[in-house]
Amino acid sequence: QFIFLKKAGNATPILLLDDLFDKLDATRVERI
């Protein structure tokens, strides 16, 4: 969704990641 919004406008969106790491293993967190 971020990429589509970025393509649609002239500004790069701000990205908010709330409680990002909960329920994710360390490997997936590192990749994100």
Full PDB file with SEQRES, HELIX, SHEET, SSBOND, CRYST1, ORIGX, SCALE, CONECT and MASTER records, all heavy atoms in Angstrom:
SEQRES   1 A   32  GLN PHE ILE PHE LEU LYS LYS ALA GLY ASN ALA THR PRO          
SEQRES   2 A   32  ILE LEU LEU LEU ASP ASP LEU PHE ASP LYS LEU ASP ALA          
SEQRES   3 A   32  THR ARG VAL GLU ARG ILE                                      
HELIX    1 AA1 PHE A    2  ALA A    8  1                                   7    
HELIX    2 AA2 ALA A   26  ARG A   31  1                                   6    
CRYST1    1.000    1.000    1.000  90.00  90.00  90.00 P 1           1          
ORIGX1      1.000000  0.000000  0.000000        0.00000                         
ORIGX2      0.000000  1.000000  0.000000        0.00000                         
ORIGX3      0.000000  0.000000  1.000000        0.00000                         
SCALE1      1.000000  0.000000  0.000000        0.00000                         
SCALE2      0.000000  1.000000  0.000000        0.00000                         
SCALE3      0.000000  0.000000  1.000000        0.00000                         
ATOM      1  N   GLN A   1       0.835  -1.203   0.000  1.00  0.00           N  
ATOM      2  CA  GLN A   1       0.000   0.000   0.000  1.00  0.00           C  
ATOM      3  C   GLN A   1       0.868   1.251   0.000  1.00  0.00           C  
ATOM      4  O   GLN A   1       0.579   2.225  -0.710  1.00  0.00           O  
ATOM      5  CB  GLN A   1      -0.907   0.007   1.236  1.00  0.00           C  
ATOM      6  CG  GLN A   1      -1.751   1.261   1.352  1.00  0.00           C  
ATOM      7  CD  GLN A   1      -2.423   1.394   2.710  1.00  0.00           C  
ATOM      8  OE1 GLN A   1      -2.448   0.461   3.509  1.00  0.00           O  
ATOM      9  NE2 GLN A   1      -2.975   2.570   2.987  1.00  0.00           N  
ATOM     10  N   PHE A   2       1.941   1.239   0.784  1.00  0.00           N  
ATOM     11  CA  PHE A   2       2.875   2.360   0.841  1.00  0.00           C  
ATOM     12  C   PHE A   2       3.420   2.682  -0.555  1.00  0.00           C  
ATOM     13  O   PHE A   2       3.454   3.840  -0.970  1.00  0.00           O  
ATOM     14  CB  PHE A   2       4.020   2.016   1.798  1.00  0.00           C  
ATOM     15  CG  PHE A   2       5.070   3.078   1.937  1.00  0.00           C  
ATOM     16  CD1 PHE A   2       5.068   3.939   3.018  1.00  0.00           C  
ATOM     17  CD2 PHE A   2       6.091   3.210   1.005  1.00  0.00           C  
ATOM     18  CE1 PHE A   2       6.035   4.928   3.154  1.00  0.00           C  
ATOM     19  CE2 PHE A   2       7.063   4.186   1.122  1.00  0.00           C  
ATOM     20  CZ  PHE A   2       7.035   5.049   2.208  1.00  0.00           C  
ATOM     21  N   ILE A   3       3.842   1.646  -1.267  1.00  0.00           N  
ATOM     22  CA  ILE A   3       4.424   1.848  -2.600  1.00  0.00           C  
ATOM     23  C   ILE A   3       3.389   2.427  -3.563  1.00  0.00           C  
ATOM     24  O   ILE A   3       3.699   3.325  -4.354  1.00  0.00           O  
ATOM     25  CB  ILE A   3       4.997   0.519  -3.130  1.00  0.00           C  
ATOM     26  CG1 ILE A   3       6.149   0.047  -2.243  1.00  0.00           C  
ATOM     27  CG2 ILE A   3       5.450   0.677  -4.576  1.00  0.00           C  
ATOM     28  CD1 ILE A   3       7.298   1.030  -2.126  1.00  0.00           C  
ATOM     29  N   PHE A   4       2.146   1.942  -3.502  1.00  0.00           N  
ATOM     30  CA  PHE A   4       1.106   2.469  -4.381  1.00  0.00           C  
ATOM     31  C   PHE A   4       0.799   3.925  -4.056  1.00  0.00           C  
ATOM     32  O   PHE A   4       0.579   4.739  -4.952  1.00  0.00           O  
ATOM     33  CB  PHE A   4      -0.161   1.616  -4.269  1.00  0.00           C  
ATOM     34  CG  PHE A   4      -0.215   0.511  -5.272  1.00  0.00           C  
ATOM     35  CD1 PHE A   4       0.660  -0.559  -5.192  1.00  0.00           C  
ATOM     36  CD2 PHE A   4      -1.117   0.539  -6.322  1.00  0.00           C  
ATOM     37  CE1 PHE A   4       0.639  -1.584  -6.122  1.00  0.00           C  
ATOM     38  CE2 PHE A   4      -1.146  -0.466  -7.260  1.00  0.00           C  
ATOM     39  CZ  PHE A   4      -0.266  -1.532  -7.171  1.00  0.00           C  
ATOM     40  N   LEU A   5       0.771   4.266  -2.775  1.00  0.00           N  
ATOM     41  CA  LEU A   5       0.515   5.646  -2.386  1.00  0.00           C  
ATOM     42  C   LEU A   5       1.663   6.552  -2.818  1.00  0.00           C  
ATOM     43  O   LEU A   5       1.449   7.677  -3.266  1.00  0.00           O  
ATOM     44  CB  LEU A   5       0.324   5.719  -0.869  1.00  0.00           C  
ATOM     45  CG  LEU A   5      -0.014   7.076  -0.260  1.00  0.00           C  
ATOM     46  CD1 LEU A   5      -1.255   7.662  -0.910  1.00  0.00           C  
ATOM     47  CD2 LEU A   5      -0.211   6.952   1.241  1.00  0.00           C  
ATOM     48  N   LYS A   6       2.870   6.039  -2.707  1.00  0.00           N  
ATOM     49  CA  LYS A   6       4.045   6.814  -3.128  1.00  0.00           C  
ATOM     50  C   LYS A   6       4.001   7.089  -4.627  1.00  0.00           C  
ATOM     51  O   LYS A   6       4.298   8.202  -5.083  1.00  0.00           O  
ATOM     52  CB  LYS A   6       5.315   6.043  -2.764  1.00  0.00           C  
ATOM     53  CG  LYS A   6       6.615   6.751  -3.118  1.00  0.00           C  
ATOM     54  CD  LYS A   6       7.811   5.915  -2.698  1.00  0.00           C  
ATOM     55  CE  LYS A   6       9.123   6.583  -3.087  1.00  0.00           C  
ATOM     56  NZ  LYS A   6      10.294   5.756  -2.681  1.00  0.00           N  
ATOM     57  N   LYS A   7       3.621   6.088  -5.416  1.00  0.00           N  
ATOM     58  CA  LYS A   7       3.532   6.261  -6.864  1.00  0.00           C  
ATOM     59  C   LYS A   7       2.432   7.246  -7.250  1.00  0.00           C  
ATOM     60  O   LYS A   7       2.538   7.970  -8.238  1.00  0.00           O  
ATOM     61  CB  LYS A   7       3.252   4.920  -7.541  1.00  0.00           C  
ATOM     62  CG  LYS A   7       4.428   3.948  -7.547  1.00  0.00           C  
ATOM     63  CD  LYS A   7       4.034   2.657  -8.238  1.00  0.00           C  
ATOM     64  CE  LYS A   7       5.204   1.678  -8.281  1.00  0.00           C  
ATOM     65  NZ  LYS A   7       4.814   0.395  -8.937  1.00  0.00           N  
ATOM     66  N   ALA A   8       1.373   7.282  -6.443  1.00  0.00           N  
ATOM     67  CA  ALA A   8       0.211   8.095  -6.788  1.00  0.00           C  
ATOM     68  C   ALA A   8       0.428   9.575  -6.545  1.00  0.00           C  
ATOM     69  O   ALA A   8      -0.199  10.407  -7.197  1.00  0.00           O  
ATOM     70  CB  ALA A   8      -1.008   7.632  -5.991  1.00  0.00           C  
ATOM     71  N   GLY A   9       1.307   9.929  -5.607  1.00  0.00           N  
ATOM     72  CA  GLY A   9       1.492  11.327  -5.246  1.00  0.00           C  
ATOM     73  C   GLY A   9       2.903  11.812  -5.520  1.00  0.00           C  
ATOM     74  O   GLY A   9       3.729  11.141  -6.131  1.00  0.00           O  
ATOM     75  N   ASN A  10       3.147  13.039  -5.051  1.00  0.00           N  
ATOM     76  CA  ASN A  10       4.459  13.647  -5.251  1.00  0.00           C  
ATOM     77  C   ASN A  10       5.325  13.578  -3.998  1.00  0.00           C  
ATOM     78  O   ASN A  10       6.428  14.112  -3.983  1.00  0.00           O  
ATOM     79  CB  ASN A  10       4.278  15.116  -5.665  1.00  0.00           C  
ATOM     80  CG  ASN A  10       3.542  15.246  -6.989  1.00  0.00           C  
ATOM     81  OD1 ASN A  10       3.810  14.499  -7.916  1.00  0.00           O  
ATOM     82  ND2 ASN A  10       2.612  16.179  -7.063  1.00  0.00           N  
ATOM     83  N   ALA A  11       4.812  12.947  -2.940  1.00  0.00           N  
ATOM     84  CA  ALA A  11       5.544  12.900  -1.674  1.00  0.00           C  
ATOM     85  C   ALA A  11       5.657  11.463  -1.182  1.00  0.00           C  
ATOM     86  O   ALA A  11       4.757  10.643  -1.388  1.00  0.00           O  
ATOM     87  CB  ALA A  11       4.840  13.757  -0.622  1.00  0.00           C  
ATOM     88  N   THR A  12       6.770  11.158  -0.530  1.00  0.00           N  
ATOM     89  CA  THR A  12       6.949   9.845   0.081  1.00  0.00           C  
ATOM     90  C   THR A  12       6.155   9.788   1.375  1.00  0.00           C  
ATOM     91  O   THR A  12       6.318  10.656   2.238  1.00  0.00           O  
ATOM     92  CB  THR A  12       8.436   9.586   0.391  1.00  0.00           C  
ATOM     93  OG1 THR A  12       9.180   9.648  -0.826  1.00  0.00           O  
ATOM     94  CG2 THR A  12       8.635   8.227   1.038  1.00  0.00           C  
ATOM     95  N   PRO A  13       5.279   8.798   1.555  1.00  0.00           N  
ATOM     96  CA  PRO A  13       4.474   8.741   2.777  1.00  0.00           C  
ATOM     97  C   PRO A  13       5.327   8.522   4.033  1.00  0.00           C  
ATOM     98  O   PRO A  13       6.445   8.003   3.976  1.00  0.00           O  
ATOM     99  CB  PRO A  13       3.558   7.529   2.532  1.00  0.00           C  
ATOM    100  CG  PRO A  13       3.564   7.325   1.063  1.00  0.00           C  
ATOM    101  CD  PRO A  13       4.924   7.744   0.597  1.00  0.00           C  
ATOM    102  N   ILE A  14       4.782   8.924   5.149  1.00  0.00           N  
ATOM    103  CA  ILE A  14       5.338   8.575   6.460  1.00  0.00           C  
ATOM    104  C   ILE A  14       4.812   7.197   6.823  1.00  0.00           C  
ATOM    105  O   ILE A  14       3.646   6.878   6.579  1.00  0.00           O  
ATOM    106  CB  ILE A  14       4.922   9.624   7.515  1.00  0.00           C  
ATOM    107  CG1 ILE A  14       5.509  10.988   7.161  1.00  0.00           C  
ATOM    108  CG2 ILE A  14       5.349   9.196   8.911  1.00  0.00           C  
ATOM    109  CD1 ILE A  14       4.958  12.125   7.992  1.00  0.00           C  
ATOM    110  N   LEU A  15       5.655   6.359   7.413  1.00  0.00           N  
ATOM    111  CA  LEU A  15       5.270   4.995   7.755  1.00  0.00           C  
ATOM    112  C   LEU A  15       5.251   4.829   9.271  1.00  0.00           C  
ATOM    113  O   LEU A  15       6.259   5.078   9.946  1.00  0.00           O  
ATOM    114  CB  LEU A  15       6.250   3.996   7.129  1.00  0.00           C  
ATOM    115  CG  LEU A  15       5.980   2.508   7.359  1.00  0.00           C  
ATOM    116  CD1 LEU A  15       4.630   2.097   6.779  1.00  0.00           C  
ATOM    117  CD2 LEU A  15       7.096   1.665   6.731  1.00  0.00           C  
ATOM    118  N   LEU A  16       4.100   4.431   9.828  1.00  0.00           N  
ATOM    119  CA  LEU A  16       3.950   4.191  11.261  1.00  0.00           C  
ATOM    120  C   LEU A  16       3.816   2.692  11.500  1.00  0.00           C  
ATOM    121  O   LEU A  16       2.939   2.046  10.916  1.00  0.00           O  
ATOM    122  CB  LEU A  16       2.704   4.898  11.809  1.00  0.00           C  
ATOM    123  CG  LEU A  16       2.540   6.391  11.501  1.00  0.00           C  
ATOM    124  CD1 LEU A  16       1.294   6.927  12.205  1.00  0.00           C  
ATOM    125  CD2 LEU A  16       3.770   7.173  11.909  1.00  0.00           C  
ATOM    126  N   LEU A  17       4.671   2.148  12.358  1.00  0.00           N  
ATOM    127  CA  LEU A  17       4.671   0.713  12.660  1.00  0.00           C  
ATOM    128  C   LEU A  17       4.412   0.534  14.151  1.00  0.00           C  
ATOM    129  O   LEU A  17       5.316   0.647  14.981  1.00  0.00           O  
ATOM    130  CB  LEU A  17       6.015   0.088  12.271  1.00  0.00           C  
ATOM    131  CG  LEU A  17       6.475   0.313  10.825  1.00  0.00           C  
ATOM    132  CD1 LEU A  17       7.896  -0.190  10.622  1.00  0.00           C  
ATOM    133  CD2 LEU A  17       5.529  -0.361   9.848  1.00  0.00           C  
ATOM    134  N   ASP A  18       3.166   0.279  14.502  1.00  0.00           N  
ATOM    135  CA  ASP A  18       2.775   0.179  15.905  1.00  0.00           C  
ATOM    136  C   ASP A  18       2.878  -1.264  16.381  1.00  0.00           C  
ATOM    137  O   ASP A  18       2.262  -2.155  15.795  1.00  0.00           O  
ATOM    138  CB  ASP A  18       1.342   0.684  16.075  1.00  0.00           C  
ATOM    139  CG  ASP A  18       0.948   0.835  17.538  1.00  0.00           C  
ATOM    140  OD1 ASP A  18       1.843   0.926  18.397  1.00  0.00           O  
ATOM    141  OD2 ASP A  18      -0.264   0.879  17.811  1.00  0.00           O  
ATOM    142  N   ASP A  19       3.643  -1.463  17.446  1.00  0.00           N  
ATOM    143  CA  ASP A  19       3.806  -2.800  18.029  1.00  0.00           C  
ATOM    144  C   ASP A  19       4.323  -3.779  16.971  1.00  0.00           C  
ATOM    145  O   ASP A  19       3.845  -4.902  16.846  1.00  0.00           O  
ATOM    146  CB  ASP A  19       2.464  -3.280  18.590  1.00  0.00           C  
ATOM    147  CG  ASP A  19       2.623  -4.381  19.623  1.00  0.00           C  
ATOM    148  OD1 ASP A  19       3.739  -4.544  20.154  1.00  0.00           O  
ATOM    149  OD2 ASP A  19       1.642  -5.097  19.888  1.00  0.00           O  
ATOM    150  N   LEU A  20       5.330  -3.344  16.244  1.00  0.00           N  
ATOM    151  CA  LEU A  20       5.800  -4.085  15.074  1.00  0.00           C  
ATOM    152  C   LEU A  20       6.327  -5.472  15.410  1.00  0.00           C  
ATOM    153  O   LEU A  20       6.070  -6.440  14.704  1.00  0.00           O  
ATOM    154  CB  LEU A  20       6.895  -3.281  14.367  1.00  0.00           C  
ATOM    155  CG  LEU A  20       7.620  -3.981  13.213  1.00  0.00           C  
ATOM    156  CD1 LEU A  20       6.641  -4.261  12.080  1.00  0.00           C  
ATOM    157  CD2 LEU A  20       8.784  -3.150  12.713  1.00  0.00           C  
ATOM    158  N   PHE A  21       7.089  -5.599  16.490  1.00  0.00           N  
ATOM    159  CA  PHE A  21       7.871  -6.815  16.701  1.00  0.00           C  
ATOM    160  C   PHE A  21       7.114  -7.917  17.432  1.00  0.00           C  
ATOM    161  O   PHE A  21       7.588  -9.049  17.494  1.00  0.00           O  
ATOM    162  CB  PHE A  21       9.153  -6.467  17.462  1.00  0.00           C  
ATOM    163  CG  PHE A  21       9.924  -5.361  16.802  1.00  0.00           C  
ATOM    164  CD1 PHE A  21       9.994  -4.102  17.367  1.00  0.00           C  
ATOM    165  CD2 PHE A  21      10.538  -5.561  15.583  1.00  0.00           C  
ATOM    166  CE1 PHE A  21      10.683  -3.082  16.749  1.00  0.00           C  
ATOM    167  CE2 PHE A  21      11.226  -4.547  14.955  1.00  0.00           C  
ATOM    168  CZ  PHE A  21      11.301  -3.297  15.536  1.00  0.00           C  
ATOM    169  N   ASP A  22       5.949  -7.596  17.977  1.00  0.00           N  
ATOM    170  CA  ASP A  22       5.165  -8.611  18.672  1.00  0.00           C  
ATOM    171  C   ASP A  22       4.766  -9.729  17.708  1.00  0.00           C  
ATOM    172  O   ASP A  22       4.339  -9.478  16.581  1.00  0.00           O  
ATOM    173  CB  ASP A  22       3.915  -7.969  19.276  1.00  0.00           C  
ATOM    174  CG  ASP A  22       3.092  -8.952  20.085  1.00  0.00           C  
ATOM    175  OD1 ASP A  22       3.680  -9.709  20.863  1.00  0.00           O  
ATOM    176  OD2 ASP A  22       1.853  -8.954  19.923  1.00  0.00           O  
ATOM    177  N   LYS A  23       4.930 -10.975  18.139  1.00  0.00           N  
ATOM    178  CA  LYS A  23       4.530 -12.185  17.399  1.00  0.00           C  
ATOM    179  C   LYS A  23       5.447 -12.523  16.227  1.00  0.00           C  
ATOM    180  O   LYS A  23       5.172 -13.438  15.465  1.00  0.00           O  
ATOM    181  CB  LYS A  23       3.085 -12.066  16.894  1.00  0.00           C  
ATOM    182  CG  LYS A  23       2.061 -11.861  18.002  1.00  0.00           C  
ATOM    183  CD  LYS A  23       0.687 -11.583  17.442  1.00  0.00           C  
ATOM    184  CE  LYS A  23      -0.303 -11.274  18.553  1.00  0.00           C  
ATOM    185  NZ  LYS A  23      -1.627 -10.879  18.038  1.00  0.00           N  
ATOM    186  N   LEU A  24       6.561 -11.787  16.073  1.00  0.00           N  
ATOM    187  CA  LEU A  24       7.500 -12.081  15.000  1.00  0.00           C  
ATOM    188  C   LEU A  24       8.804 -12.617  15.574  1.00  0.00           C  
ATOM    189  O   LEU A  24       9.295 -12.119  16.586  1.00  0.00           O  
ATOM    190  CB  LEU A  24       7.798 -10.816  14.183  1.00  0.00           C  
ATOM    191  CG  LEU A  24       6.657 -10.247  13.344  1.00  0.00           C  
ATOM    192  CD1 LEU A  24       7.071  -8.923  12.729  1.00  0.00           C  
ATOM    193  CD2 LEU A  24       6.221 -11.227  12.263  1.00  0.00           C  
ATOM    194  N   ASP A  25       9.374 -13.617  14.909  1.00  0.00           N  
ATOM    195  CA  ASP A  25      10.662 -14.131  15.364  1.00  0.00           C  
ATOM    196  C   ASP A  25      11.768 -13.157  14.965  1.00  0.00           C  
ATOM    197  O   ASP A  25      11.583 -12.261  14.133  1.00  0.00           O  
ATOM    198  CB  ASP A  25      10.928 -15.524  14.792  1.00  0.00           C  
ATOM    199  CG  ASP A  25      10.926 -15.553  13.260  1.00  0.00           C  
ATOM    200  OD1 ASP A  25      11.767 -14.845  12.665  1.00  0.00           O  
ATOM    201  OD2 ASP A  25      10.102 -16.265  12.676  1.00  0.00           O  
ATOM    202  N   ALA A  26      12.940 -13.344  15.566  1.00  0.00           N  
ATOM    203  CA  ALA A  26      14.045 -12.400  15.379  1.00  0.00           C  
ATOM    204  C   ALA A  26      14.470 -12.281  13.924  1.00  0.00           C  
ATOM    205  O   ALA A  26      14.842 -11.194  13.463  1.00  0.00           O  
ATOM    206  CB  ALA A  26      15.238 -12.830  16.243  1.00  0.00           C  
ATOM    207  N   THR A  27      14.398 -13.393  13.192  1.00  0.00           N  
ATOM    208  CA  THR A  27      14.820 -13.363  11.787  1.00  0.00           C  
ATOM    209  C   THR A  27      13.908 -12.477  10.961  1.00  0.00           C  
ATOM    210  O   THR A  27      14.363 -11.669  10.138  1.00  0.00           O  
ATOM    211  CB  THR A  27      14.841 -14.785  11.210  1.00  0.00           C  
ATOM    212  OG1 THR A  27      15.745 -15.591  11.975  1.00  0.00           O  
ATOM    213  CG2 THR A  27      15.298 -14.773   9.766  1.00  0.00           C  
ATOM    214  N   ARG A  28      12.590 -12.599  11.168  1.00  0.00           N  
ATOM    215  CA  ARG A  28      11.644 -11.772  10.405  1.00  0.00           C  
ATOM    216  C   ARG A  28      11.765 -10.312  10.805  1.00  0.00           C  
ATOM    217  O   ARG A  28      11.648  -9.427   9.951  1.00  0.00           O  
ATOM    218  CB  ARG A  28      10.209 -12.271  10.615  1.00  0.00           C  
ATOM    219  CG  ARG A  28       9.989 -13.655  10.020  1.00  0.00           C  
ATOM    220  CD  ARG A  28       8.522 -14.036   9.933  1.00  0.00           C  
ATOM    221  NE  ARG A  28       8.390 -15.422   9.498  1.00  0.00           N  
ATOM    222  CZ  ARG A  28       7.495 -15.865   8.625  1.00  0.00           C  
ATOM    223  NH1 ARG A  28       6.649 -15.028   8.072  1.00  0.00           N  
ATOM    224  NH2 ARG A  28       7.434 -17.128   8.289  1.00  0.00           N  
ATOM    225  N   VAL A  29      11.994 -10.049  12.084  1.00  0.00           N  
ATOM    226  CA  VAL A  29      12.181  -8.668  12.535  1.00  0.00           C  
ATOM    227  C   VAL A  29      13.376  -8.045  11.825  1.00  0.00           C  
ATOM    228  O   VAL A  29      13.313  -6.913  11.332  1.00  0.00           O  
ATOM    229  CB  VAL A  29      12.371  -8.617  14.060  1.00  0.00           C  
ATOM    230  CG1 VAL A  29      12.857  -7.228  14.495  1.00  0.00           C  
ATOM    231  CG2 VAL A  29      11.075  -8.964  14.771  1.00  0.00           C  
ATOM    232  N   GLU A  30      14.475  -8.785  11.757  1.00  0.00           N  
ATOM    233  CA  GLU A  30      15.687  -8.270  11.113  1.00  0.00           C  
ATOM    234  C   GLU A  30      15.431  -7.982   9.637  1.00  0.00           C  
ATOM    235  O   GLU A  30      15.882  -6.954   9.104  1.00  0.00           O  
ATOM    236  CB  GLU A  30      16.835  -9.270  11.275  1.00  0.00           C  
ATOM    237  CG  GLU A  30      18.142  -8.761  10.703  1.00  0.00           C  
ATOM    238  CD  GLU A  30      19.321  -9.645  11.056  1.00  0.00           C  
ATOM    239  OE1 GLU A  30      19.110 -10.692  11.703  1.00  0.00           O  
ATOM    240  OE2 GLU A  30      20.451  -9.277  10.692  1.00  0.00           O  
ATOM    241  N   ARG A  31      14.705  -8.872   8.975  1.00  0.00           N  
ATOM    242  CA  ARG A  31      14.413  -8.650   7.556  1.00  0.00           C  
ATOM    243  C   ARG A  31      13.538  -7.414   7.350  1.00  0.00           C  
ATOM    244  O   ARG A  31      13.730  -6.661   6.388  1.00  0.00           O  
ATOM    245  CB  ARG A  31      13.729  -9.886   6.975  1.00  0.00           C  
ATOM    246  CG  ARG A  31      14.659 -11.090   6.818  1.00  0.00           C  
ATOM    247  CD  ARG A  31      13.896 -12.305   6.365  1.00  0.00           C  
ATOM    248  NE  ARG A  31      14.764 -13.462   6.230  1.00  0.00           N  
ATOM    249  CZ  ARG A  31      14.388 -14.710   6.486  1.00  0.00           C  
ATOM    250  NH1 ARG A  31      13.146 -14.944   6.886  1.00  0.00           N  
ATOM    251  NH2 ARG A  31      15.232 -15.708   6.347  1.00  0.00           N  
ATOM    252  N   ILE A  32      12.577  -7.196   8.248  1.00  0.00           N  
ATOM    253  CA  ILE A  32      11.697  -6.029   8.123  1.00  0.00           C  
ATOM    254  C   ILE A  32      12.473  -4.744   8.328  1.00  0.00           C  
ATOM    255  O   ILE A  32      12.322  -3.770   7.568  1.00  0.00           O  
ATOM    256  CB  ILE A  32      10.516  -6.135   9.115  1.00  0.00           C  
ATOM    257  CG1 ILE A  32       9.596  -7.287   8.705  1.00  0.00           C  
ATOM    258  CG2 ILE A  32       9.736  -4.819   9.161  1.00  0.00           C  
ATOM    259  CD1 ILE A  32       8.552  -7.641   9.741  1.00  0.00           C  
TER     260      ILE A  32                                                      
MASTER        0    0    0    2    0    0    0    6  259    1    0    3          
END                                                                             
